[in-house]
Amino acid sequence: MDSYKHEKDYLDKYRKEGYTSSYRIKDGKLIEVDSKSEYSPEDVKIVEEHRFEGMTNPSDLSILYVIETSDSKGTVLAAYGPEANIETAEFFNEIPDGNISKN
């Protein structure tokens, strides 16, 4: 079991494992920030996900998605709960169950 507690710890861990791409969601697509490659939910595999509560405010909720596409590996850190970005939440909800690792 990992002893990591904070988003930064996990981000550092996954970067060392080659998950170096950053992404954003726009118009229903996942976009790799550097290459501008676009991916539909069907093109994305969720390898891991980690949920966090804020240290000073437990209502600060975030989720770290560790993802792979056909040509990139990276992470998306997103708010969830009342502060969630609807477009991001909808994108990740549309990823097929078969593309989500059940670790």
C-alpha atoms as a PDB file:
ATOM      1  CA  MET A   1       0.000   0.000   0.000  1.00  0.00           C
ATOM      2  CA  ASP A   2       1.299   3.455  -0.866  1.00  0.00           C
ATOM      3  CA  SER A   3       2.087   5.806   1.992  1.00  0.00           C
ATOM      4  CA  TYR A   4       1.466   8.921  -0.117  1.00  0.00           C
ATOM      5  CA  LYS A   5      -0.959  11.474   1.291  1.00  0.00           C
ATOM      6  CA  HIS A   6      -0.851  14.438  -1.073  1.00  0.00           C
ATOM      7  CA  GLU A   7      -1.483  15.037  -4.753  1.00  0.00           C
ATOM      8  CA  LYS A   8       2.092  16.228  -5.247  1.00  0.00           C
ATOM      9  CA  ASP A   9       3.493  12.941  -3.892  1.00  0.00           C
ATOM     10  CA  TYR A  10       1.477  10.966  -6.423  1.00  0.00           C
ATOM     11  CA  LEU A  11       2.262  13.362  -9.267  1.00  0.00           C
ATOM     12  CA  ASP A  12       5.991  12.960  -8.547  1.00  0.00           C
ATOM     13  CA  LYS A  13       5.645   9.164  -8.357  1.00  0.00           C
ATOM     14  CA  TYR A  14       3.848   8.902 -11.693  1.00  0.00           C
ATOM     15  CA  ARG A  15       6.190  11.334 -13.453  1.00  0.00           C
ATOM     16  CA  LYS A  16       9.079   9.065 -12.453  1.00  0.00           C
ATOM     17  CA  GLU A  17       7.130   6.168 -14.003  1.00  0.00           C
ATOM     18  CA  GLY A  18       6.821   8.023 -17.327  1.00  0.00           C
ATOM     19  CA  TYR A  19       3.397   9.644 -16.913  1.00  0.00           C
ATOM     20  CA  THR A  20       4.628  13.048 -18.028  1.00  0.00           C
ATOM     21  CA  SER A  21       1.891  14.411 -20.299  1.00  0.00           C
ATOM     22  CA  SER A  22      -0.535  17.075 -19.135  1.00  0.00           C
ATOM     23  CA  TYR A  23      -4.047  17.367 -20.483  1.00  0.00           C
ATOM     24  CA  ARG A  24      -7.084  19.605 -20.512  1.00  0.00           C
ATOM     25  CA  ILE A  25     -10.673  19.018 -21.535  1.00  0.00           C
ATOM     26  CA  LYS A  26     -12.238  21.155 -24.264  1.00  0.00           C
ATOM     27  CA  ASP A  27     -15.365  20.583 -26.328  1.00  0.00           C
ATOM     28  CA  GLY A  28     -15.726  16.995 -25.115  1.00  0.00           C
ATOM     29  CA  LYS A  29     -12.147  16.024 -25.998  1.00  0.00           C
ATOM     30  CA  LEU A  30      -9.055  15.346 -23.920  1.00  0.00           C
ATOM     31  CA  ILE A  31      -6.244  17.481 -25.340  1.00  0.00           C
ATOM     32  CA  GLU A  32      -2.564  16.814 -24.682  1.00  0.00           C
ATOM     33  CA  VAL A  33      -1.149  20.235 -23.817  1.00  0.00           C
ATOM     34  CA  ASP A  34       2.160  20.011 -25.712  1.00  0.00           C
ATOM     35  CA  SER A  35       1.252  18.074 -28.869  1.00  0.00           C
ATOM     36  CA  LYS A  36      -2.369  19.312 -29.054  1.00  0.00           C
ATOM     37  CA  SER A  37      -3.438  15.709 -29.830  1.00  0.00           C
ATOM     38  CA  GLU A  38      -7.133  15.152 -29.168  1.00  0.00           C
ATOM     39  CA  TYR A  39      -8.742  12.057 -27.658  1.00  0.00           C
ATOM     40  CA  SER A  40     -12.328  10.905 -27.236  1.00  0.00           C
ATOM     41  CA  PRO A  41     -13.383   9.066 -24.061  1.00  0.00           C
ATOM     42  CA  GLU A  42     -13.066   5.768 -25.954  1.00  0.00           C
ATOM     43  CA  ASP A  43      -9.370   6.554 -26.634  1.00  0.00           C
ATOM     44  CA  VAL A  44      -8.467   6.922 -22.944  1.00  0.00           C
ATOM     45  CA  LYS A  45      -7.545   4.243 -20.419  1.00  0.00           C
ATOM     46  CA  ILE A  46      -7.629   5.087 -16.706  1.00  0.00           C
ATOM     47  CA  VAL A  47      -4.734   3.218 -15.093  1.00  0.00           C
ATOM     48  CA  GLU A  48      -5.231   4.545 -11.548  1.00  0.00           C
ATOM     49  CA  GLU A  49      -7.268   7.135  -9.729  1.00  0.00           C
ATOM     50  CA  HIS A  50      -6.712   8.676  -6.315  1.00  0.00           C
ATOM     51  CA  ARG A  51      -9.140  10.864  -4.373  1.00  0.00           C
ATOM     52  CA  PHE A  52      -8.077  13.550  -1.926  1.00  0.00           C
ATOM     53  CA  GLU A  53      -9.639  15.822   0.679  1.00  0.00           C
ATOM     54  CA  GLY A  54      -8.099  19.191   1.430  1.00  0.00           C
ATOM     55  CA  MET A  55      -5.859  19.299   4.492  1.00  0.00           C
ATOM     56  CA  THR A  56      -7.273  22.568   5.790  1.00  0.00           C
ATOM     57  CA  ASN A  57     -10.726  22.253   4.256  1.00  0.00           C
ATOM     58  CA  PRO A  58     -12.135  18.728   3.835  1.00  0.00           C
ATOM     59  CA  SER A  59     -14.644  20.042   1.298  1.00  0.00           C
ATOM     60  CA  ASP A  60     -11.740  20.728  -1.113  1.00  0.00           C
ATOM     61  CA  LEU A  61     -12.062  17.485  -3.047  1.00  0.00           C
ATOM     62  CA  SER A  62      -9.848  16.426  -5.929  1.00  0.00           C
ATOM     63  CA  ILE A  63      -9.192  13.327  -7.963  1.00  0.00           C
ATOM     64  CA  LEU A  64      -6.004  12.391  -9.759  1.00  0.00           C
ATOM     65  CA  TYR A  65      -6.520  10.361 -12.926  1.00  0.00           C
ATOM     66  CA  VAL A  66      -3.500   8.464 -14.220  1.00  0.00           C
ATOM     67  CA  ILE A  67      -4.213   7.858 -17.893  1.00  0.00           C
ATOM     68  CA  GLU A  68      -2.839   6.366 -21.072  1.00  0.00           C
ATOM     69  CA  THR A  69      -3.712   6.977 -24.699  1.00  0.00           C
ATOM     70  CA  SER A  70      -2.298   5.313 -27.801  1.00  0.00           C
ATOM     71  CA  ASP A  71       0.646   7.713 -27.840  1.00  0.00           C
ATOM     72  CA  SER A  72       0.919   9.384 -24.430  1.00  0.00           C
ATOM     73  CA  LYS A  73       0.846   8.770 -20.682  1.00  0.00           C
ATOM     74  CA  GLY A  74       0.055  11.394 -18.100  1.00  0.00           C
ATOM     75  CA  THR A  75      -2.175  12.699 -15.366  1.00  0.00           C
ATOM     76  CA  VAL A  76      -5.220  14.900 -14.881  1.00  0.00           C
ATOM     77  CA  LEU A  77      -5.892  16.481 -11.500  1.00  0.00           C
ATOM     78  CA  ALA A  78      -9.519  17.567 -11.268  1.00  0.00           C
ATOM     79  CA  ALA A  79     -11.874  18.866  -8.633  1.00  0.00           C
ATOM     80  CA  TYR A  80     -14.850  16.712  -7.773  1.00  0.00           C
ATOM     81  CA  GLY A  81     -17.933  17.186  -5.669  1.00  0.00           C
ATOM     82  CA  PRO A  82     -19.617  20.606  -5.593  1.00  0.00           C
ATOM     83  CA  GLU A  83     -16.571  22.350  -7.113  1.00  0.00           C
ATOM     84  CA  ALA A  84     -16.196  19.936 -10.050  1.00  0.00           C
ATOM     85  CA  ASN A  85     -15.841  21.204 -13.582  1.00  0.00           C
ATOM     86  CA  ILE A  86     -18.873  19.714 -15.340  1.00  0.00           C
ATOM     87  CA  GLU A  87     -17.114  19.236 -18.686  1.00  0.00           C
ATOM     88  CA  THR A  88     -14.230  17.338 -17.051  1.00  0.00           C
ATOM     89  CA  ALA A  89     -16.592  15.196 -14.968  1.00  0.00           C
ATOM     90  CA  GLU A  90     -18.691  14.357 -18.026  1.00  0.00           C
ATOM     91  CA  PHE A  91     -15.625  13.385 -20.057  1.00  0.00           C
ATOM     92  CA  PHE A  92     -14.350  10.969 -17.413  1.00  0.00           C
ATOM     93  CA  ASN A  93     -17.853   9.547 -16.862  1.00  0.00           C
ATOM     94  CA  GLU A  94     -18.013   8.710 -20.587  1.00  0.00           C
ATOM     95  CA  ILE A  95     -14.851   6.578 -20.553  1.00  0.00           C
ATOM     96  CA  PRO A  96     -16.016   2.991 -21.170  1.00  0.00           C
ATOM     97  CA  ASP A  97     -15.879   0.662 -18.158  1.00  0.00           C
ATOM     98  CA  GLY A  98     -13.543  -1.641 -20.086  1.00  0.00           C
ATOM     99  CA  ASN A  99     -10.985   1.184 -20.216  1.00  0.00           C
ATOM    100  CA  ILE A 100     -10.871   1.598 -16.450  1.00  0.00           C
ATOM    101  CA  SER A 101      -8.376  -0.493 -14.513  1.00  0.00           C
ATOM    102  CA  LYS A 102      -9.897  -2.266 -11.523  1.00  0.00           C
ATOM    103  CA  ASN A 103      -6.756  -2.235  -9.325  1.00  0.00           C
END
